C-alpha atoms as a PDB file:
ATOM      1  CA  MET A   1      -0.041   0.170   0.255  1.00  0.00           C
ATOM      2  CA  ASP A   2       1.428   3.836  -0.717  1.00  0.00           C
ATOM      3  CA  LEU A   3       2.222   5.467   2.267  1.00  0.00           C
ATOM      4  CA  LYS A   4       0.244   8.343   1.177  1.00  0.00           C
ATOM      5  CA  ASP A   5      -2.779   6.204   1.044  1.00  0.00           C
ATOM      6  CA  VAL A   6      -2.155   4.688   4.552  1.00  0.00           C
ATOM      7  CA  VAL A   7      -1.175   8.771   5.841  1.00  0.00           C
ATOM      8  CA  SER A   8      -4.904   9.825   4.091  1.00  0.00           C
ATOM      9  CA  ARG A   9      -6.315   6.885   6.780  1.00  0.00           C
ATOM     10  CA  LEU A  10      -4.287   8.032   9.729  1.00  0.00           C
ATOM     11  CA  GLU A  11      -5.883  11.192   8.891  1.00  0.00           C
ATOM     12  CA  GLU A  12      -9.487  10.408   8.101  1.00  0.00           C
ATOM     13  CA  ILE A  13      -9.223   8.421  11.865  1.00  0.00           C
ATOM     14  CA  ALA A  14      -8.251  11.179  13.532  1.00  0.00           C
ATOM     15  CA  PRO A  15      -7.288  14.955  11.355  1.00  0.00           C
ATOM     16  CA  SER A  16      -3.817  16.296  12.320  1.00  0.00           C
ATOM     17  CA  SER A  17      -5.753  19.678  12.347  1.00  0.00           C
ATOM     18  CA  THR A  18      -7.856  18.376  15.905  1.00  0.00           C
ATOM     19  CA  ALA A  19      -4.361  18.307  17.477  1.00  0.00           C
ATOM     20  CA  GLU A  20      -3.192  20.816  19.660  1.00  0.00           C
ATOM     21  CA  GLU A  21      -1.681  24.022  18.980  1.00  0.00           C
ATOM     22  CA  TRP A  22       1.813  23.566  19.751  1.00  0.00           C
ATOM     23  CA  ASP A  23       1.903  19.895  18.716  1.00  0.00           C
ATOM     24  CA  ASN A  24       4.213  18.478  15.916  1.00  0.00           C
ATOM     25  CA  VAL A  25       2.057  15.522  14.869  1.00  0.00           C
ATOM     26  CA  GLY A  26       1.596  13.876  10.905  1.00  0.00           C
ATOM     27  CA  LEU A  27       3.917  12.669   9.111  1.00  0.00           C
ATOM     28  CA  LEU A  28       7.716  13.516  10.467  1.00  0.00           C
ATOM     29  CA  VAL A  29      10.006  11.100   8.105  1.00  0.00           C
ATOM     30  CA  GLU A  30       9.587  11.207   4.629  1.00  0.00           C
ATOM     31  CA  PRO A  31      12.167   8.501   3.193  1.00  0.00           C
ATOM     32  CA  ARG A  32      10.911   8.311  -0.645  1.00  0.00           C
ATOM     33  CA  ARG A  33       7.805  10.001  -1.883  1.00  0.00           C
ATOM     34  CA  ASP A  34       6.978   6.576  -3.529  1.00  0.00           C
ATOM     35  CA  ALA A  35       7.353   4.545  -0.290  1.00  0.00           C
ATOM     36  CA  LYS A  36       5.286   1.699   0.314  1.00  0.00           C
ATOM     37  CA  VAL A  37       4.340  -0.136   3.422  1.00  0.00           C
ATOM     38  CA  GLU A  38       3.441  -3.681   4.037  1.00  0.00           C
ATOM     39  CA  HIS A  39       3.981  -3.744   7.615  1.00  0.00           C
ATOM     40  CA  ILE A  40       2.893  -0.864  10.673  1.00  0.00           C
ATOM     41  CA  PHE A  41       4.598  -0.853  13.584  1.00  0.00           C
ATOM     42  CA  LEU A  42       3.102   1.008  17.079  1.00  0.00           C
ATOM     43  CA  THR A  43       4.203   2.517  19.941  1.00  0.00           C
ATOM     44  CA  ASN A  44       3.506   5.030  22.925  1.00  0.00           C
ATOM     45  CA  ASP A  45       7.006   6.245  22.437  1.00  0.00           C
ATOM     46  CA  LEU A  46      10.022   5.758  19.662  1.00  0.00           C
ATOM     47  CA  THR A  47      13.134   4.746  22.085  1.00  0.00           C
ATOM     48  CA  GLU A  48      16.085   3.217  19.821  1.00  0.00           C
ATOM     49  CA  GLU A  49      15.181  -0.043  21.521  1.00  0.00           C
ATOM     50  CA  VAL A  50      11.434   0.415  20.201  1.00  0.00           C
ATOM     51  CA  LEU A  51      13.044   1.009  17.176  1.00  0.00           C
ATOM     52  CA  GLU A  52      15.635  -2.287  16.493  1.00  0.00           C
ATOM     53  CA  GLU A  53      12.602  -4.251  17.541  1.00  0.00           C
ATOM     54  CA  ALA A  54      10.139  -2.395  14.336  1.00  0.00           C
ATOM     55  CA  LEU A  55      13.536  -3.612  12.206  1.00  0.00           C
ATOM     56  CA  GLN A  56      13.793  -6.889  13.032  1.00  0.00           C
ATOM     57  CA  LEU A  57      10.274  -8.509  13.506  1.00  0.00           C
ATOM     58  CA  GLY A  58      10.200 -11.176  10.891  1.00  0.00           C
ATOM     59  CA  GLY A  59       7.300 -11.248   8.106  1.00  0.00           C
ATOM     60  CA  LYS A  60       6.756  -8.129   5.685  1.00  0.00           C
ATOM     61  CA  ARG A  61       9.051  -5.558   6.233  1.00  0.00           C
ATOM     62  CA  VAL A  62       8.100  -2.451   8.765  1.00  0.00           C
ATOM     63  CA  GLY A  63       7.793   0.293   6.395  1.00  0.00           C
ATOM     64  CA  LEU A  64       6.181   2.696   8.947  1.00  0.00           C
ATOM     65  CA  VAL A  65       6.188   3.285  12.598  1.00  0.00           C
ATOM     66  CA  VAL A  66       3.086   5.303  13.749  1.00  0.00           C
ATOM     67  CA  SER A  67       4.369   7.021  17.621  1.00  0.00           C
ATOM     68  CA  TYR A  68       1.880   8.438  19.431  1.00  0.00           C
ATOM     69  CA  HIS A  69       4.730  10.524  21.145  1.00  0.00           C
ATOM     70  CA  PRO A  70       6.571  12.660  17.834  1.00  0.00           C
ATOM     71  CA  PRO A  71       9.950  11.731  18.280  1.00  0.00           C
ATOM     72  CA  LEU A  72      10.870  15.313  16.239  1.00  0.00           C
ATOM     73  CA  PHE A  73       9.362  17.423  18.327  1.00  0.00           C
ATOM     74  CA  SER A  74      11.640  20.012  19.373  1.00  0.00           C
ATOM     75  CA  PRO A  75      13.569  21.853  16.641  1.00  0.00           C
ATOM     76  CA  MET A  76      17.288  20.324  15.082  1.00  0.00           C
ATOM     77  CA  LYS A  77      20.053  21.997  13.557  1.00  0.00           C
ATOM     78  CA  ARG A  78      21.884  19.047  13.031  1.00  0.00           C
ATOM     79  CA  LEU A  79      21.662  15.208  12.303  1.00  0.00           C
ATOM     80  CA  THR A  80      24.123  13.299  14.108  1.00  0.00           C
ATOM     81  CA  GLN A  81      24.986  11.080  16.189  1.00  0.00           C
ATOM     82  CA  ARG A  82      25.227  12.371  19.409  1.00  0.00           C
ATOM     83  CA  SER A  83      21.960  12.031  20.880  1.00  0.00           C
ATOM     84  CA  SER A  84      19.349   9.194  20.467  1.00  0.00           C
ATOM     85  CA  LYS A  85      16.548  10.953  19.327  1.00  0.00           C
ATOM     86  CA  GLU A  86      19.009  12.089  16.365  1.00  0.00           C
ATOM     87  CA  ARG A  87      20.576   8.548  15.750  1.00  0.00           C
ATOM     88  CA  ILE A  88      16.699   7.459  16.048  1.00  0.00           C
ATOM     89  CA  LEU A  89      15.721   9.352  13.014  1.00  0.00           C
ATOM     90  CA  LEU A  90      18.823   8.546  11.105  1.00  0.00           C
ATOM     91  CA  LYS A  91      18.398   4.606  11.748  1.00  0.00           C
ATOM     92  CA  ALA A  92      15.136   5.012  10.356  1.00  0.00           C
ATOM     93  CA  ILE A  93      15.847   6.707   7.476  1.00  0.00           C
ATOM     94  CA  GLU A  94      18.273   4.694   6.501  1.00  0.00           C
ATOM     95  CA  ALA A  95      16.272   1.943   7.288  1.00  0.00           C
ATOM     96  CA  GLY A  96      13.600   3.462   4.846  1.00  0.00           C
ATOM     97  CA  VAL A  97      11.013   3.463   7.539  1.00  0.00           C
ATOM     98  CA  ALA A  98       8.534   6.195   7.905  1.00  0.00           C
ATOM     99  CA  ILE A  99       7.566   7.905  11.235  1.00  0.00           C
ATOM    100  CA  TYR A 100       3.811   9.143  12.044  1.00  0.00           C
ATOM    101  CA  SER A 101       3.128  10.277  14.872  1.00  0.00           C
ATOM    102  CA  PRO A 102      -0.917  11.612  15.625  1.00  0.00           C
ATOM    103  CA  HIS A 103      -0.609  12.328  19.614  1.00  0.00           C
ATOM    104  CA  THR A 104      -2.959  15.203  20.557  1.00  0.00           C
ATOM    105  CA  ALA A 105      -5.073  14.464  17.881  1.00  0.00           C
ATOM    106  CA  HIS A 106      -5.576  11.160  19.691  1.00  0.00           C
ATOM    107  CA  ASP A 107      -6.150  12.705  23.069  1.00  0.00           C
ATOM    108  CA  ASN A 108      -8.738  14.933  21.729  1.00  0.00           C
ATOM    109  CA  LEU A 109     -10.508  12.652  19.521  1.00  0.00           C
ATOM    110  CA  GLU A 110     -14.066  11.256  20.404  1.00  0.00           C
ATOM    111  CA  GLY A 111     -13.457   7.774  20.809  1.00  0.00           C
ATOM    112  CA  GLY A 112      -9.771   8.811  21.523  1.00  0.00           C
ATOM    113  CA  VAL A 113      -7.312   7.962  24.273  1.00  0.00           C
ATOM    114  CA  ASN A 114      -9.191  10.271  27.008  1.00  0.00           C
ATOM    115  CA  ASP A 115     -12.116   8.139  26.568  1.00  0.00           C
ATOM    116  CA  TRP A 116     -10.620   4.905  26.654  1.00  0.00           C
ATOM    117  CA  LEU A 117      -8.794   5.884  29.565  1.00  0.00           C
ATOM    118  CA  VAL A 118     -12.590   7.123  31.033  1.00  0.00           C
ATOM    119  CA  SER A 119     -14.089   4.010  29.754  1.00  0.00           C
ATOM    120  CA  GLY A 120     -12.990   1.811  32.336  1.00  0.00           C
ATOM    121  CA  LEU A 121     -14.095   3.563  35.176  1.00  0.00           C
ATOM    122  CA  GLY A 122     -18.086   3.311  35.558  1.00  0.00           C
ATOM    123  CA  GLU A 123     -20.713   4.032  33.412  1.00  0.00           C
ATOM    124  CA  GLY A 124     -22.522   7.521  33.851  1.00  0.00           C
ATOM    125  CA  LYS A 125     -22.075  10.578  31.169  1.00  0.00           C
ATOM    126  CA  ILE A 126     -18.481  11.495  29.914  1.00  0.00           C
ATOM    127  CA  ARG A 127     -18.049  15.482  28.494  1.00  0.00           C
ATOM    128  CA  PRO A 128     -14.585  17.156  27.296  1.00  0.00           C
ATOM    129  CA  LEU A 129     -13.178  19.084  29.664  1.00  0.00           C
ATOM    130  CA  ARG A 130     -12.201  22.043  27.100  1.00  0.00           C
ATOM    131  CA  VAL A 131     -14.876  21.757  24.165  1.00  0.00           C
ATOM    132  CA  GLN A 132     -12.408  21.619  20.547  1.00  0.00           C
ATOM    133  CA  GLN A 133     -13.299  23.957  17.779  1.00  0.00           C
ATOM    134  CA  LEU A 134     -11.660  21.712  14.182  1.00  0.00           C
ATOM    135  CA  ALA A 135      -9.017  22.935  13.440  1.00  0.00           C
ATOM    136  CA  PRO A 136      -8.006  26.137  15.107  1.00  0.00           C
ATOM    137  CA  GLY A 137      -6.862  28.985  12.989  1.00  0.00           C
ATOM    138  CA  TYR A 138      -9.277  27.362  10.336  1.00  0.00           C
ATOM    139  CA  PRO A 139     -12.464  28.886  10.392  1.00  0.00           C
ATOM    140  CA  HIS A 140     -13.540  27.970   6.506  1.00  0.00           C
ATOM    141  CA  ARG A 141     -14.442  24.697   5.669  1.00  0.00           C
ATOM    142  CA  VAL A 142     -14.437  24.277   2.012  1.00  0.00           C
ATOM    143  CA  ALA A 143     -15.892  20.425   0.806  1.00  0.00           C
ATOM    144  CA  ILE A 144     -15.525  18.935  -2.428  1.00  0.00           C
ATOM    145  CA  ARG A 145     -17.298  16.751  -3.843  1.00  0.00           C
ATOM    146  CA  GLY A 146     -16.904  13.448  -4.951  1.00  0.00           C
ATOM    147  CA  VAL A 147     -12.622  13.395  -4.916  1.00  0.00           C
ATOM    148  CA  ALA A 148     -11.805  11.529  -1.788  1.00  0.00           C
ATOM    149  CA  GLY A 149      -9.588   9.086  -4.235  1.00  0.00           C
ATOM    150  CA  SER A 150      -6.224   9.091  -3.021  1.00  0.00           C
ATOM    151  CA  GLU A 151      -4.714  10.702  -6.791  1.00  0.00           C
ATOM    152  CA  TRP A 152      -7.460  13.828  -6.234  1.00  0.00           C
ATOM    153  CA  LEU A 153      -6.190  14.245  -2.606  1.00  0.00           C
ATOM    154  CA  ALA A 154      -2.952  14.244  -3.611  1.00  0.00           C
ATOM    155  CA  ALA A 155      -3.600  17.398  -5.449  1.00  0.00           C
ATOM    156  CA  LEU A 156      -5.668  19.151  -3.400  1.00  0.00           C
ATOM    157  CA  SER A 157      -2.877  18.575  -1.166  1.00  0.00           C
ATOM    158  CA  ASP A 158      -0.492  19.978  -3.556  1.00  0.00           C
ATOM    159  CA  ILE A 159      -2.818  23.135  -3.536  1.00  0.00           C
ATOM    160  CA  VAL A 160      -3.109  23.775  -0.173  1.00  0.00           C
ATOM    161  CA  ALA A 161       0.821  23.429   0.474  1.00  0.00           C
ATOM    162  CA  ARG A 162       1.167  25.633  -2.199  1.00  0.00           C
ATOM    163  CA  GLU A 163      -1.409  28.257  -1.117  1.00  0.00           C
ATOM    164  CA  ARG A 164      -0.146  27.727   2.356  1.00  0.00           C
ATOM    165  CA  CYS A 165      -3.710  28.473   3.159  1.00  0.00           C
ATOM    166  CA  GLY A 166      -5.237  25.031   5.514  1.00  0.00           C
ATOM    167  CA  GLU A 167      -5.590  21.210   6.013  1.00  0.00           C
ATOM    168  CA  VAL A 168      -7.236  18.199   3.837  1.00  0.00           C
ATOM    169  CA  THR A 169      -9.074  15.794   5.429  1.00  0.00           C
ATOM    170  CA  ARG A 170     -11.667  12.802   4.147  1.00  0.00           C
ATOM    171  CA  GLU A 171     -14.895  12.649   5.004  1.00  0.00           C
ATOM    172  CA  GLY A 172     -16.828   9.776   3.172  1.00  0.00           C
ATOM    173  CA  ASP A 173     -16.810  10.422  -0.991  1.00  0.00           C
ATOM    174  CA  ASP A 174     -15.865  14.424  -0.379  1.00  0.00           C
ATOM    175  CA  ALA A 175     -12.302  15.638   0.001  1.00  0.00           C
ATOM    176  CA  VAL A 176     -12.428  19.141   2.616  1.00  0.00           C
ATOM    177  CA  VAL A 177      -9.916  21.785   3.493  1.00  0.00           C
ATOM    178  CA  LEU A 178      -9.753  23.720   6.512  1.00  0.00           C
ATOM    179  CA  SER A 179      -9.009  26.742   5.526  1.00  0.00           C
ATOM    180  CA  ASN A 180      -7.765  30.160   7.640  1.00  0.00           C
ATOM    181  CA  ASP A 181      -8.979  33.833   6.908  1.00  0.00           C
ATOM    182  CA  ARG A 182      -6.152  34.963   4.434  1.00  0.00           C
ATOM    183  CA  GLY A 183      -6.062  31.602   2.174  1.00  0.00           C
ATOM    184  CA  LEU A 184      -9.742  31.553   1.349  1.00  0.00           C
ATOM    185  CA  CYS A 185      -9.679  33.993  -1.364  1.00  0.00           C
ATOM    186  CA  SER A 186      -6.505  32.252  -3.202  1.00  0.00           C
ATOM    187  CA  LEU A 187      -7.654  28.708  -2.550  1.00  0.00           C
ATOM    188  CA  LEU A 188     -10.676  29.018  -3.880  1.00  0.00           C
ATOM    189  CA  PRO A 189      -9.928  29.816  -7.877  1.00  0.00           C
ATOM    190  CA  ALA A 190      -6.848  27.226  -7.401  1.00  0.00           C
ATOM    191  CA  ILE A 191      -9.729  24.653  -6.600  1.00  0.00           C
ATOM    192  CA  LYS A 192     -12.327  25.164  -9.020  1.00  0.00           C
ATOM    193  CA  GLU A 193      -9.185  25.240 -11.986  1.00  0.00           C
ATOM    194  CA  ARG A 194      -8.492  22.063 -10.938  1.00  0.00           C
ATOM    195  CA  PHE A 195     -11.984  20.376 -10.061  1.00  0.00           C
ATOM    196  CA  PRO A 196     -13.539  22.616 -12.957  1.00  0.00           C
ATOM    197  CA  GLY A 197     -17.012  19.508 -12.932  1.00  0.00           C
ATOM    198  CA  ASN A 198     -17.316  19.113  -9.204  1.00  0.00           C
ATOM    199  CA  GLN A 199     -19.505  20.644  -6.609  1.00  0.00           C
ATOM    200  CA  ILE A 200     -18.022  23.321  -3.731  1.00  0.00           C
ATOM    201  CA  ILE A 201     -19.992  24.051  -0.321  1.00  0.00           C
ATOM    202  CA  ILE A 202     -18.438  26.363   1.859  1.00  0.00           C
ATOM    203  CA  SER A 203     -19.443  26.711   5.191  1.00  0.00           C
ATOM    204  CA  ALA A 204     -18.323  27.353   8.688  1.00  0.00           C
ATOM    205  CA  THR A 205     -15.776  25.286  10.549  1.00  0.00           C
ATOM    206  CA  PRO A 206     -18.177  23.603  13.380  1.00  0.00           C
ATOM    207  CA  LYS A 207     -17.654  23.001  16.672  1.00  0.00           C
ATOM    208  CA  VAL A 208     -17.271  19.465  17.876  1.00  0.00           C
ATOM    209  CA  LEU A 209     -18.819  19.107  20.995  1.00  0.00           C
ATOM    210  CA  SER A 210     -17.580  15.378  21.942  1.00  0.00           C
ATOM    211  CA  SER A 211     -13.787  16.496  21.590  1.00  0.00           C
ATOM    212  CA  GLY A 212     -11.752  18.252  23.262  1.00  0.00           C
ATOM    213  CA  SER A 213      -9.312  18.285  25.672  1.00  0.00           C
ATOM    214  CA  GLY A 214      -9.777  16.073  28.802  1.00  0.00           C
ATOM    215  CA  ARG A 215     -12.814  14.079  30.060  1.00  0.00           C
ATOM    216  CA  LEU A 216     -15.584  14.833  32.970  1.00  0.00           C
ATOM    217  CA  LEU A 217     -17.134  11.591  34.053  1.00  0.00           C
ATOM    218  CA  THR A 218     -20.638  11.936  36.142  1.00  0.00           C
ATOM    219  CA  LEU A 219     -21.289   8.343  37.271  1.00  0.00           C
ATOM    220  CA  SER A 220     -24.698   7.372  36.646  1.00  0.00           C
ATOM    221  CA  GLN A 221     -23.870   5.815  40.739  1.00  0.00           C
ATOM    222  CA  PRO A 222     -21.536   7.472  43.159  1.00  0.00           C
ATOM    223  CA  VAL A 223     -18.521   4.586  44.275  1.00  0.00           C
ATOM    224  CA  SER A 224     -15.961   4.949  47.338  1.00  0.00           C
ATOM    225  CA  LEU A 225     -12.666   6.459  46.888  1.00  0.00           C
ATOM    226  CA  SER A 226     -11.119   2.978  47.516  1.00  0.00           C
ATOM    227  CA  THR A 227     -12.985   0.546  44.836  1.00  0.00           C
ATOM    228  CA  MET A 228     -12.501   3.762  42.009  1.00  0.00           C
ATOM    229  CA  VAL A 229      -8.229   3.118  43.300  1.00  0.00           C
ATOM    230  CA  GLU A 230      -9.158  -0.583  42.480  1.00  0.00           C
ATOM    231  CA  ARG A 231     -11.118   0.430  38.469  1.00  0.00           C
ATOM    232  CA  VAL A 232      -7.886   2.281  37.657  1.00  0.00           C
ATOM    233  CA  LYS A 233      -5.696  -0.811  38.522  1.00  0.00           C
ATOM    234  CA  GLN A 234      -7.333  -2.860  36.474  1.00  0.00           C
ATOM    235  CA  HIS A 235      -8.241  -0.887  33.690  1.00  0.00           C
ATOM    236  CA  LEU A 236      -4.251   0.126  33.649  1.00  0.00           C
ATOM    237  CA  GLN A 237      -3.279  -3.058  34.434  1.00  0.00           C
ATOM    238  CA  LEU A 238      -1.279  -1.414  37.271  1.00  0.00           C
ATOM    239  CA  ALA A 239      -0.081  -3.309  40.901  1.00  0.00           C
ATOM    240  CA  HIS A 240       0.621   0.607  42.068  1.00  0.00           C
ATOM    241  CA  ILE A 241      -0.522   3.630  41.898  1.00  0.00           C
ATOM    242  CA  ARG A 242      -0.031   7.142  43.795  1.00  0.00           C
ATOM    243  CA  LEU A 243      -3.173   8.718  45.302  1.00  0.00           C
ATOM    244  CA  ALA A 244      -3.571  12.298  47.034  1.00  0.00           C
ATOM    245  CA  THR A 245      -6.417  12.786  49.376  1.00  0.00           C
ATOM    246  CA  PRO A 246      -7.576  15.964  51.683  1.00  0.00           C
ATOM    247  CA  GLN A 247      -6.479  15.397  54.852  1.00  0.00           C
ATOM    248  CA  SER A 248     -10.771  14.904  56.136  1.00  0.00           C
ATOM    249  CA  VAL A 249     -11.079  12.038  53.321  1.00  0.00           C
ATOM    250  CA  LYS A 250     -11.107   8.476  53.948  1.00  0.00           C
ATOM    251  CA  LYS A 251     -11.308   5.094  52.220  1.00  0.00           C
ATOM    252  CA  GLU A 252     -14.865   5.099  51.871  1.00  0.00           C
ATOM    253  CA  HIS A 253     -15.219   8.655  50.656  1.00  0.00           C
ATOM    254  CA  LEU A 254     -18.086   8.906  47.778  1.00  0.00           C
ATOM    255  CA  ILE A 255     -16.587   9.654  44.455  1.00  0.00           C
ATOM    256  CA  THR A 256     -19.283  11.319  41.173  1.00  0.00           C
ATOM    257  CA  THR A 257     -17.178  13.227  39.340  1.00  0.00           C
ATOM    258  CA  ILE A 258     -14.001  12.448  37.750  1.00  0.00           C
ATOM    259  CA  ALA A 259     -11.714  14.508  36.019  1.00  0.00           C
ATOM    260  CA  VAL A 260      -9.181  12.488  33.601  1.00  0.00           C
ATOM    261  CA  CYS A 261      -6.253  13.944  31.399  1.00  0.00           C
ATOM    262  CA  ALA A 262      -4.090  10.885  29.985  1.00  0.00           C
ATOM    263  CA  GLY A 263      -0.058  11.850  30.404  1.00  0.00           C
ATOM    264  CA  SER A 264       0.159  15.469  31.724  1.00  0.00           C
ATOM    265  CA  GLY A 265      -2.959  16.369  33.291  1.00  0.00           C
ATOM    266  CA  ASP A 266      -1.434  19.673  34.670  1.00  0.00           C
ATOM    267  CA  SER A 267      -2.193  22.499  32.424  1.00  0.00           C
ATOM    268  CA  VAL A 268      -6.123  20.447  31.478  1.00  0.00           C
ATOM    269  CA  LEU A 269      -6.955  19.849  34.967  1.00  0.00           C
ATOM    270  CA  GLN A 270      -6.108  23.378  36.561  1.00  0.00           C
ATOM    271  CA  ALA A 271      -8.803  24.568  38.440  1.00  0.00           C
ATOM    272  CA  THR A 272     -11.124  21.569  37.464  1.00  0.00           C
ATOM    273  CA  SER A 273     -13.639  21.125  40.056  1.00  0.00           C
ATOM    274  CA  ALA A 274     -14.153  17.181  40.330  1.00  0.00           C
ATOM    275  CA  ASP A 275     -14.397  14.138  43.423  1.00  0.00           C
ATOM    276  CA  LEU A 276     -11.393  13.113  42.033  1.00  0.00           C
ATOM    277  CA  LEU A 277      -8.860  13.718  39.412  1.00  0.00           C
ATOM    278  CA  VAL A 278      -6.734  10.906  37.462  1.00  0.00           C
ATOM    279  CA  ALA A 279      -3.860  11.851  35.562  1.00  0.00           C
ATOM    280  CA  GLY A 280      -0.259  10.308  34.302  1.00  0.00           C
ATOM    281  CA  GLU A 281       1.301  13.231  36.048  1.00  0.00           C
ATOM    282  CA  MET A 282       1.047  16.426  38.195  1.00  0.00           C
ATOM    283  CA  THR A 283       3.284  18.936  39.254  1.00  0.00           C
ATOM    284  CA  HIS A 284       3.616  18.815  43.175  1.00  0.00           C
ATOM    285  CA  HIS A 285       2.228  21.923  43.679  1.00  0.00           C
ATOM    286  CA  ARG A 286      -0.754  21.328  41.147  1.00  0.00           C
ATOM    287  CA  VAL A 287      -1.359  17.924  43.397  1.00  0.00           C
ATOM    288  CA  LEU A 288      -1.258  20.178  46.741  1.00  0.00           C
ATOM    289  CA  GLU A 289      -3.775  22.718  44.839  1.00  0.00           C
ATOM    290  CA  ALA A 290      -6.305  20.014  43.655  1.00  0.00           C
ATOM    291  CA  VAL A 291      -6.435  18.783  47.124  1.00  0.00           C
ATOM    292  CA  SER A 292      -6.694  22.329  48.404  1.00  0.00           C
ATOM    293  CA  ARG A 293      -9.988  22.242  46.162  1.00  0.00           C
ATOM    294  CA  ALA A 294     -11.003  18.926  48.292  1.00  0.00           C
ATOM    295  CA  SER A 295     -10.659  16.722  45.254  1.00  0.00           C
ATOM    296  CA  CYS A 296      -8.677  13.785  45.421  1.00  0.00           C
ATOM    297  CA  VAL A 297      -6.021  12.830  42.885  1.00  0.00           C
ATOM    298  CA  ILE A 298      -4.250   9.449  41.174  1.00  0.00           C
ATOM    299  CA  LEU A 299      -1.073   9.851  39.373  1.00  0.00           C
ATOM    300  CA  CYS A 300      -0.496   6.840  37.332  1.00  0.00           C
ATOM    301  CA  ASP A 301       2.658   7.825  35.498  1.00  0.00           C
ATOM    302  CA  HIS A 302       2.787   9.462  32.577  1.00  0.00           C
ATOM    303  CA  SER A 303       2.653   6.795  29.673  1.00  0.00           C
ATOM    304  CA  ASN A 304       0.744   4.355  31.699  1.00  0.00           C
ATOM    305  CA  THR A 305      -2.352   6.181  31.148  1.00  0.00           C
ATOM    306  CA  GLU A 306      -2.191   6.083  27.380  1.00  0.00           C
ATOM    307  CA  ARG A 307      -0.423   2.654  26.238  1.00  0.00           C
ATOM    308  CA  GLY A 308      -3.236   0.875  26.466  1.00  0.00           C
ATOM    309  CA  PHE A 309      -5.448   2.307  23.682  1.00  0.00           C
ATOM    310  CA  LEU A 310      -2.913   0.866  20.871  1.00  0.00           C
ATOM    311  CA  ARG A 311      -4.819  -2.074  21.377  1.00  0.00           C
ATOM    312  CA  VAL A 312      -7.962  -0.628  20.136  1.00  0.00           C
ATOM    313  CA  PHE A 313      -5.974   1.592  17.646  1.00  0.00           C
ATOM    314  CA  LYS A 314      -4.249  -1.468  16.231  1.00  0.00           C
ATOM    315  CA  GLU A 315      -8.252  -2.976  15.886  1.00  0.00           C
ATOM    316  CA  ARG A 316      -9.779   0.690  14.276  1.00  0.00           C
ATOM    317  CA  LEU A 317      -6.293   0.856  11.880  1.00  0.00           C
ATOM    318  CA  LEU A 318      -7.313  -2.511  10.543  1.00  0.00           C
ATOM    319  CA  LYS A 319     -10.668  -1.695   9.578  1.00  0.00           C
ATOM    320  CA  THR A 320     -10.280   1.085   8.045  1.00  0.00           C
ATOM    321  CA  LEU A 321      -7.189   0.218   5.987  1.00  0.00           C
ATOM    322  CA  GLN A 322      -9.298  -3.086   4.730  1.00  0.00           C
ATOM    323  CA  SER A 323      -6.049  -4.586   3.336  1.00  0.00           C
ATOM    324  CA  GLY A 324      -3.286  -6.921   3.287  1.00  0.00           C
ATOM    325  CA  VAL A 325      -0.915  -4.565   5.313  1.00  0.00           C
ATOM    326  CA  GLU A 326      -0.148  -6.338   9.045  1.00  0.00           C
ATOM    327  CA  ILE A 327      -0.001  -4.341  12.114  1.00  0.00           C
ATOM    328  CA  SER A 328       2.371  -4.911  14.692  1.00  0.00           C
ATOM    329  CA  VAL A 329       2.042  -3.669  19.086  1.00  0.00           C
ATOM    330  CA  SER A 330       5.477  -2.807  20.035  1.00  0.00           C
ATOM    331  CA  LEU A 331       6.268  -5.143  23.193  1.00  0.00           C
ATOM    332  CA  MET A 332       9.466  -3.347  24.214  1.00  0.00           C
ATOM    333  CA  ASP A 333       7.668   0.063  24.823  1.00  0.00           C
ATOM    334  CA  LYS A 334       7.055   0.492  28.931  1.00  0.00           C
ATOM    335  CA  ASP A 335       7.061   3.254  30.714  1.00  0.00           C
ATOM    336  CA  PRO A 336      10.639   3.897  32.190  1.00  0.00           C
ATOM    337  CA  LEU A 337       9.381   4.544  35.254  1.00  0.00           C
ATOM    338  CA  CYS A 338       7.977   1.355  37.484  1.00  0.00           C
ATOM    339  CA  VAL A 339       7.335   1.529  41.697  1.00  0.00           C
ATOM    340  CA  VAL A 340      10.266  -0.605  43.508  1.00  0.00           C
END
């Protein structure tokens, strides 16, 4: 399968335009423009050991690594053997392996990482802590009917890249461009010239009420804090977690509202009002602030709140690709911290 087609399907599952503005998501390493993919390798963190695992797998050669956390994030001025990040990128390019990262696009997605995290905590009503507008900075939605084929999407992506004005996604049989104000005037003539016989529909980019940062769960039936601790352990398959409680709270304290944020919860959970906060990590002072507001806090270490979603993502990707592409999940990938 062509790499560009696989990337289109990945964008269909979780458009890069839904990621946080500060994030670095999408196709990060493209060894060749005509690259083929027969085997996709999923991991939460792309370390040197995990990359070696991908390269040594039997069966079809791995052509694409999908790393939840982007291995290329901070700007680089050179590629040498000095740091692990540089060595990973160089080795991937040398081996002809592409790298793609969804990161916060998967966090914000309905049915994504945060929905997976909250799904094991009980039945109830769930909503994002911060409702997200689809593609912040791209207020205009331009739909071109009947051009969802890979060759048409590639042509449309070239137009958008040339005009520097937005993001391309696919919705059913239609191609959709999310455009900024500056680019809309130049984008429309280029689209009409390239797709003269296709209907073009312009509308405002909608807010997606079911997607956004974090999740707030209001349980149908309150449960004790001790019960919730066991639910978190079971869902994340952890023997130990860290717990902070106000001094007046006992283990049988009833929990009704739970705010969760996979990974780092500092910014998303800041000032959140809930009986319980669940995150991978929070700073010391953020935990003290939460406890002072009468919230309990459960911390599980950063990637332990994310990694389990890879199993869900694998099945979703298999169904989306509907091809002979193999998909494997790393066995070497793990959180660098453990309780001893």
